Amino acid sequence: MKGAVESYIYQGSAVLINIRINDKTLMKVRVPATSEVVNP
């Protein structure tokens, strides 16, 4: 399954990531912002 990161939003102590799987599917992932999260 391939996915492309469409957007990501920093929300204080968490990061909200939108991953586009295909034309119809948009998966939202909420990740706690830790020292492991690297800003590209």
PDB file of N, CA and C in Angstrom:
ATOM      1  N   MET A   1       0.850  -1.191   0.000  1.00  0.00           N
ATOM      2  CA  MET A   1       0.000   0.000   0.000  1.00  0.00           C
ATOM      3  C   MET A   1       0.887   1.242   0.000  1.00  0.00           C
ATOM      4  N   LYS A   2       0.739   2.042  -1.011  1.00  0.00           N
ATOM      5  CA  LYS A   2       1.528   3.263  -1.091  1.00  0.00           C
ATOM      6  C   LYS A   2       0.682   4.450  -0.653  1.00  0.00           C
ATOM      7  N   GLY A   3       1.327   5.384  -0.005  1.00  0.00           N
ATOM      8  CA  GLY A   3       0.622   6.585   0.425  1.00  0.00           C
ATOM      9  C   GLY A   3       1.535   7.788   0.305  1.00  0.00           C
ATOM     10  N   ALA A   4       0.929   8.926   0.068  1.00  0.00           N
ATOM     11  CA  ALA A   4       1.699  10.161  -0.017  1.00  0.00           C
ATOM     12  C   ALA A   4       1.211  11.105   1.072  1.00  0.00           C
ATOM     13  N   VAL A   5       2.163  11.686   1.776  1.00  0.00           N
ATOM     14  CA  VAL A   5       1.788  12.639   2.817  1.00  0.00           C
ATOM     15  C   VAL A   5       1.308  13.923   2.147  1.00  0.00           C
ATOM     16  N   GLU A   6       0.041  14.254   2.378  1.00  0.00           N
ATOM     17  CA  GLU A   6      -0.547  15.417   1.727  1.00  0.00           C
ATOM     18  C   GLU A   6      -0.285  16.688   2.525  1.00  0.00           C
ATOM     19  N   SER A   7      -0.440  16.587   3.823  1.00  0.00           N
ATOM     20  CA  SER A   7      -0.181  17.755   4.660  1.00  0.00           C
ATOM     21  C   SER A   7       0.043  17.302   6.086  1.00  0.00           C
ATOM     22  N   TYR A   8       0.724  18.145   6.843  1.00  0.00           N
ATOM     23  CA  TYR A   8       0.855  17.855   8.265  1.00  0.00           C
ATOM     24  C   TYR A   8       0.770  19.162   9.035  1.00  0.00           C
ATOM     25  N   ILE A   9       0.097  19.095  10.192  1.00  0.00           N
ATOM     26  CA  ILE A   9      -0.181  20.282  10.987  1.00  0.00           C
ATOM     27  C   ILE A   9       0.305  20.039  12.407  1.00  0.00           C
ATOM     28  N   TYR A  10       1.087  20.964  12.906  1.00  0.00           N
ATOM     29  CA  TYR A  10       1.511  20.872  14.301  1.00  0.00           C
ATOM     30  C   TYR A  10       0.413  21.428  15.197  1.00  0.00           C
ATOM     31  N   GLN A  11      -0.014  20.614  16.152  1.00  0.00           N
ATOM     32  CA  GLN A  11      -1.046  21.043  17.088  1.00  0.00           C
ATOM     33  C   GLN A  11      -0.496  20.924  18.507  1.00  0.00           C
ATOM     34  N   GLY A  12       0.345  21.861  18.872  1.00  0.00           N
ATOM     35  CA  GLY A  12       0.894  21.835  20.218  1.00  0.00           C
ATOM     36  C   GLY A  12       1.762  20.624  20.460  1.00  0.00           C
ATOM     37  N   SER A  13       1.216  19.628  21.183  1.00  0.00           N
ATOM     38  CA  SER A  13       1.999  18.457  21.546  1.00  0.00           C
ATOM     39  C   SER A  13       1.751  17.294  20.593  1.00  0.00           C
ATOM     40  N   ALA A  14       1.079  17.550  19.477  1.00  0.00           N
ATOM     41  CA  ALA A  14       0.795  16.470  18.533  1.00  0.00           C
ATOM     42  C   ALA A  14       0.946  16.964  17.104  1.00  0.00           C
ATOM     43  N   VAL A  15       1.120  16.016  16.191  1.00  0.00           N
ATOM     44  CA  VAL A  15       1.209  16.335  14.769  1.00  0.00           C
ATOM     45  C   VAL A  15       0.088  15.591  14.048  1.00  0.00           C
ATOM     46  N   LEU A  16      -0.700  16.313  13.267  1.00  0.00           N
ATOM     47  CA  LEU A  16      -1.781  15.703  12.498  1.00  0.00           C
ATOM     48  C   LEU A  16      -1.320  15.556  11.060  1.00  0.00           C
ATOM     49  N   ILE A  17      -1.267  14.299  10.586  1.00  0.00           N
ATOM     50  CA  ILE A  17      -0.747  14.020   9.251  1.00  0.00           C
ATOM     51  C   ILE A  17      -1.869  13.476   8.373  1.00  0.00           C
ATOM     52  N   ASN A  18      -2.036  14.061   7.197  1.00  0.00           N
ATOM     53  CA  ASN A  18      -2.989  13.550   6.215  1.00  0.00           C
ATOM     54  C   ASN A  18      -2.230  12.758   5.161  1.00  0.00           C
ATOM     55  N   ILE A  19      -2.598  11.467   5.022  1.00  0.00           N
ATOM     56  CA  ILE A  19      -1.924  10.604   4.060  1.00  0.00           C
ATOM     57  C   ILE A  19      -2.908  10.235   2.956  1.00  0.00           C
ATOM     58  N   ARG A  20      -2.538  10.550   1.719  1.00  0.00           N
ATOM     59  CA  ARG A  20      -3.387  10.245   0.567  1.00  0.00           C
ATOM     60  C   ARG A  20      -3.045   8.853   0.053  1.00  0.00           C
ATOM     61  N   ILE A  21      -4.001   7.918   0.176  1.00  0.00           N
ATOM     62  CA  ILE A  21      -3.773   6.551  -0.291  1.00  0.00           C
ATOM     63  C   ILE A  21      -4.077   6.465  -1.781  1.00  0.00           C
ATOM     64  N   ASN A  22      -5.256   6.915  -2.155  1.00  0.00           N
ATOM     65  CA  ASN A  22      -5.612   7.010  -3.563  1.00  0.00           C
ATOM     66  C   ASN A  22      -6.590   8.172  -3.729  1.00  0.00           C
ATOM     67  N   ASP A  23      -7.315   8.219  -4.842  1.00  0.00           N
ATOM     68  CA  ASP A  23      -8.190   9.369  -5.093  1.00  0.00           C
ATOM     69  C   ASP A  23      -9.311   9.476  -4.069  1.00  0.00           C
ATOM     70  N   LYS A  24      -9.731   8.333  -3.519  1.00  0.00           N
ATOM     71  CA  LYS A  24     -10.893   8.343  -2.631  1.00  0.00           C
ATOM     72  C   LYS A  24     -10.535   8.292  -1.155  1.00  0.00           C
ATOM     73  N   THR A  25      -9.345   7.793  -0.856  1.00  0.00           N
ATOM     74  CA  THR A  25      -9.001   7.543   0.543  1.00  0.00           C
ATOM     75  C   THR A  25      -8.015   8.566   1.068  1.00  0.00           C
ATOM     76  N   LEU A  26      -8.400   9.215   2.164  1.00  0.00           N
ATOM     77  CA  LEU A  26      -7.493  10.131   2.857  1.00  0.00           C
ATOM     78  C   LEU A  26      -7.431   9.696   4.310  1.00  0.00           C
ATOM     79  N   MET A  27      -6.258   9.245   4.741  1.00  0.00           N
ATOM     80  CA  MET A  27      -6.103   8.733   6.087  1.00  0.00           C
ATOM     81  C   MET A  27      -5.490   9.805   6.970  1.00  0.00           C
ATOM     82  N   LYS A  28      -6.112  10.027   8.135  1.00  0.00           N
ATOM     83  CA  LYS A  28      -5.595  11.021   9.066  1.00  0.00           C
ATOM     84  C   LYS A  28      -4.917  10.316  10.229  1.00  0.00           C
ATOM     85  N   VAL A  29      -3.683  10.688  10.483  1.00  0.00           N
ATOM     86  CA  VAL A  29      -2.908  10.075  11.559  1.00  0.00           C
ATOM     87  C   VAL A  29      -2.503  11.165  12.539  1.00  0.00           C
ATOM     88  N   ARG A  30      -2.760  10.906  13.805  1.00  0.00           N
ATOM     89  CA  ARG A  30      -2.362  11.872  14.832  1.00  0.00           C
ATOM     90  C   ARG A  30      -1.215  11.269  15.616  1.00  0.00           C
ATOM     91  N   VAL A  31      -0.081  11.946  15.588  1.00  0.00           N
ATOM     92  CA  VAL A  31       1.134  11.433  16.215  1.00  0.00           C
ATOM     93  C   VAL A  31       1.556  12.373  17.331  1.00  0.00           C
ATOM     94  N   PRO A  32       1.810  11.846  18.515  1.00  0.00           N
ATOM     95  CA  PRO A  32       2.314  12.703  19.589  1.00  0.00           C
ATOM     96  C   PRO A  32       3.678  13.273  19.198  1.00  0.00           C
ATOM     97  N   ALA A  33       3.850  14.571  19.384  1.00  0.00           N
ATOM     98  CA  ALA A  33       5.110  15.211  19.020  1.00  0.00           C
ATOM     99  C   ALA A  33       6.154  14.927  20.097  1.00  0.00           C
ATOM    100  N   THR A  34       7.128  14.101  19.741  1.00  0.00           N
ATOM    101  CA  THR A  34       8.212  13.789  20.662  1.00  0.00           C
ATOM    102  C   THR A  34       9.523  14.231  20.025  1.00  0.00           C
ATOM    103  N   SER A  35      10.607  13.928  20.678  1.00  0.00           N
ATOM    104  CA  SER A  35      11.913  14.284  20.136  1.00  0.00           C
ATOM    105  C   SER A  35      12.250  13.442  18.909  1.00  0.00           C
ATOM    106  N   GLU A  36      11.456  12.379  18.661  1.00  0.00           N
ATOM    107  CA  GLU A  36      11.726  11.523  17.512  1.00  0.00           C
ATOM    108  C   GLU A  36      11.149  12.109  16.230  1.00  0.00           C
ATOM    109  N   VAL A  37      10.219  13.047  16.364  1.00  0.00           N
ATOM    110  CA  VAL A  37       9.613  13.648  15.177  1.00  0.00           C
ATOM    111  C   VAL A  37      10.581  14.690  14.618  1.00  0.00           C
ATOM    112  N   VAL A  38      10.994  14.479  13.375  1.00  0.00           N
ATOM    113  CA  VAL A  38      11.965  15.374  12.756  1.00  0.00           C
ATOM    114  C   VAL A  38      11.256  16.239  11.729  1.00  0.00           C
ATOM    115  N   ASN A  39      11.497  17.529  11.783  1.00  0.00           N
ATOM    116  CA  ASN A  39      10.896  18.444  10.820  1.00  0.00           C
ATOM    117  C   ASN A  39      11.700  18.392   9.522  1.00  0.00           C
ATOM    118  N   PRO A  40      11.100  17.927   8.440  1.00  0.00           N
ATOM    119  CA  PRO A  40      11.843  17.782   7.176  1.00  0.00           C
ATOM    120  C   PRO A  40      12.195  19.142   6.560  1.00  0.00           C
TER     121      PRO A  40
END
